[in-house]
Amino acid sequence: HSWQAVAAGGTSIGNKGMMVAAKALSLTAIDLFEDPDLVKKAKEEFVKRRGANFKYIPLLGDRAPALDYRN
């Protein structure tokens, strides 16, 4: 998060913004669950825009994390 988002956290304007974002995400999820064709079209558009020769290259490469956080 940006420092602006952190600074707004816990304030009334920050809480209102978070609620608007949560509602937008929730209502979008409902739209997707109710319309499988929309999901199919979105996936097709994603693959088209990504391109046929796309190769995922992780930012961290193939190295292990700096710490063993799972133990």
Protein backbone atom coordinates (compact mmCIF):
# COMPACT_ATOMS: atom_id res chain seq x y z
CA HIS A 1 0.00 0.00 0.00
CA SER A 2 1.03 3.57 -0.52
CA TRP A 3 1.66 5.87 2.42
CA GLN A 4 -1.52 7.70 1.48
CA ALA A 5 -3.60 4.53 1.92
CA VAL A 6 -1.91 3.78 5.23
CA ALA A 7 -2.47 7.34 6.45
CA ALA A 8 -6.18 7.11 5.57
CA GLY A 9 -6.58 3.82 7.43
CA GLY A 10 -8.73 4.14 10.53
CA THR A 11 -10.24 7.44 9.42
CA SER A 12 -13.83 7.89 8.29
CA ILE A 13 -12.80 8.69 4.72
CA GLY A 14 -10.49 5.66 4.67
CA ASN A 15 -13.24 3.38 5.96
CA LYS A 16 -15.71 4.74 3.40
CA GLY A 17 -13.22 4.14 0.61
CA MET A 18 -12.58 0.59 1.76
CA MET A 19 -16.33 -0.10 1.88
CA VAL A 20 -16.79 1.21 -1.67
CA ALA A 21 -13.92 -0.99 -2.86
CA ALA A 22 -15.29 -4.05 -1.03
CA LYS A 23 -18.75 -3.52 -2.52
CA ALA A 24 -17.33 -3.14 -6.02
CA LEU A 25 -15.30 -6.35 -5.68
CA SER A 26 -18.24 -8.25 -4.18
CA LEU A 27 -20.73 -7.15 -6.82
CA THR A 28 -18.25 -7.95 -9.59
CA ALA A 29 -17.78 -11.44 -8.15
CA ILE A 30 -21.57 -11.94 -8.09
CA ASP A 31 -21.79 -10.85 -11.74
CA LEU A 32 -19.10 -13.36 -12.67
CA PHE A 33 -20.71 -16.22 -10.72
CA GLU A 34 -24.06 -15.53 -12.38
CA ASP A 35 -22.71 -15.27 -15.94
CA PRO A 36 -20.32 -18.08 -17.00
CA ASP A 37 -20.25 -16.67 -20.55
CA LEU A 38 -18.82 -13.42 -19.19
CA VAL A 39 -16.04 -15.38 -17.48
CA LYS A 40 -15.32 -17.25 -20.71
CA LYS A 41 -15.15 -13.99 -22.69
CA ALA A 42 -12.89 -12.40 -20.08
CA LYS A 43 -10.50 -15.37 -20.20
CA GLU A 44 -10.43 -15.26 -23.99
CA GLU A 45 -9.68 -11.53 -23.97
CA PHE A 46 -6.96 -12.02 -21.35
CA VAL A 47 -5.24 -14.71 -23.42
CA LYS A 48 -5.54 -12.58 -26.57
CA ARG A 49 -4.05 -9.48 -24.91
CA ARG A 50 -1.34 -11.49 -23.17
CA GLY A 51 -0.21 -12.90 -26.49
CA ALA A 52 0.58 -16.41 -27.69
CA ASN A 53 4.28 -16.24 -26.86
CA PHE A 54 3.85 -15.10 -23.26
CA LYS A 55 6.27 -16.63 -20.78
CA TYR A 56 5.91 -15.94 -17.07
CA ILE A 57 9.15 -14.79 -15.45
CA PRO A 58 8.82 -14.35 -11.68
CA LEU A 59 10.37 -11.22 -10.19
CA LEU A 60 12.31 -13.25 -7.63
CA GLY A 61 13.56 -15.79 -10.13
CA ASP A 62 13.93 -19.38 -8.97
CA ARG A 63 15.66 -18.64 -5.66
CA ALA A 64 14.26 -19.55 -2.27
CA PRO A 65 12.80 -16.92 0.08
CA ALA A 66 15.24 -15.10 2.33
CA LEU A 67 13.67 -16.67 5.41
CA ASP A 68 11.92 -19.91 6.27
CA TYR A 69 8.53 -18.48 7.18
CA ARG A 70 6.62 -21.76 7.05
CA ASN A 71 8.33 -23.33 10.07
